[in-house]
Protein backbone atom coordinates (compact mmCIF):
# COMPACT_ATOMS: atom_id res chain seq x y z
CA MET A 1 0.53 -2.83 6.33
CA SER A 2 0.17 -0.93 3.08
CA LYS A 3 1.71 -2.34 -0.08
CA ILE A 4 3.06 1.19 -0.73
CA TRP A 5 6.09 0.22 1.35
CA ASN A 6 7.23 -2.05 -1.48
CA TYR A 7 8.11 1.20 -3.28
CA PHE A 8 9.34 3.38 -0.41
CA THR A 9 11.66 2.97 2.55
CA LEU A 10 11.22 4.72 5.86
CA SER A 11 14.17 6.12 7.76
CA GLY A 12 13.15 7.92 10.91
CA ARG A 13 10.47 10.35 9.75
CA ILE A 14 11.51 10.42 6.09
CA ALA A 15 9.99 8.22 3.36
CA PHE A 16 12.31 7.64 0.38
CA CYS A 17 11.12 6.54 -3.05
CA LYS A 18 13.03 3.47 -4.24
CA GLU A 19 12.67 4.62 -7.87
CA CYS A 20 14.00 8.19 -7.66
CA ASP A 21 15.36 10.83 -5.26
CA TYR A 22 11.94 11.83 -3.89
CA LYS A 23 11.73 12.08 -0.13
CA LYS A 24 8.86 13.16 2.07
CA ASP A 25 8.55 13.94 5.75
CA PHE A 26 6.41 11.11 7.08
CA PRO A 27 5.38 11.45 10.72
CA PRO A 28 4.05 8.43 12.63
CA ARG A 29 0.51 7.41 11.63
CA ALA A 30 0.51 9.67 8.57
CA PRO A 31 -1.65 8.51 5.66
CA THR A 32 0.14 7.02 2.67
CA THR A 33 -1.94 9.00 0.14
CA THR A 34 0.90 11.40 -0.71
CA LEU A 35 3.22 8.49 -1.42
CA ALA A 36 0.66 6.80 -3.66
CA THR A 37 0.11 10.11 -5.50
CA HIS A 38 3.85 10.41 -6.11
CA LEU A 39 3.93 6.86 -7.46
CA LYS A 40 0.97 7.58 -9.74
CA SER A 41 2.40 10.78 -11.22
CA LYS A 42 6.08 9.84 -11.48
CA HIS A 43 6.11 6.04 -11.80
CA PRO A 44 2.86 4.92 -13.46
CA GLU A 45 3.97 1.32 -14.04
CA GLN A 46 4.86 0.87 -10.36
CA HIS A 47 1.58 2.56 -9.41
CA LYS A 48 -0.32 0.00 -11.49
CA GLN A 49 1.55 -2.82 -9.72
CA PHE A 50 0.73 -1.20 -6.36
CA LEU A 51 -2.97 -1.06 -7.24
CA ASP A 52 -2.94 -4.68 -8.40
CA GLN A 53 -1.26 -5.79 -5.15
CA SER A 54 -3.70 -3.76 -3.05
CA THR A 55 -6.66 -5.27 -4.90
CA GLU A 56 -5.35 -8.80 -4.32
CA VAL A 57 -5.05 -8.15 -0.58
CA LYS A 58 -8.60 -6.72 -0.41
CA GLU A 59 -10.05 -9.63 -2.38
CA LYS A 60 -8.31 -12.15 -0.13
CA SER A 61 -9.59 -10.35 2.96
CA ASN A 62 -13.13 -10.28 1.57
CA LYS A 63 -13.00 -14.01 0.81
CA GLU A 64 -11.86 -14.73 4.36
CA LYS A 65 -14.71 -12.63 5.77
CA GLU A 66 -17.20 -14.37 3.51
CA LYS A 67 -15.85 -17.76 4.55
CA GLN A 68 -16.20 -16.86 8.23
CA MET A 69 -19.77 -15.72 7.69
CA THR A 70 -20.77 -19.01 6.05
CA LEU A 71 -19.53 -21.26 8.84
CA LYS A 72 -22.39 -22.92 10.69
CA ARG A 73 -22.56 -23.95 14.30
CA THR A 74 -23.39 -27.56 14.94
């Protein structure tokens, strides 16, 4: 699940920004790019936090993959 949801809430098909009155129609399986763009342009500090959180998740995932690849069968 995307870390973008730390900054938005979803009610039905509408995504609401937790920082302002922005709302966006958000159908099922829609990409979160528009929400991230809103965060970047209107709330740069929160966008930086979002990027930091996303990077941490990716790094953790990569470490897990690397760990799995280095396991040896005995």
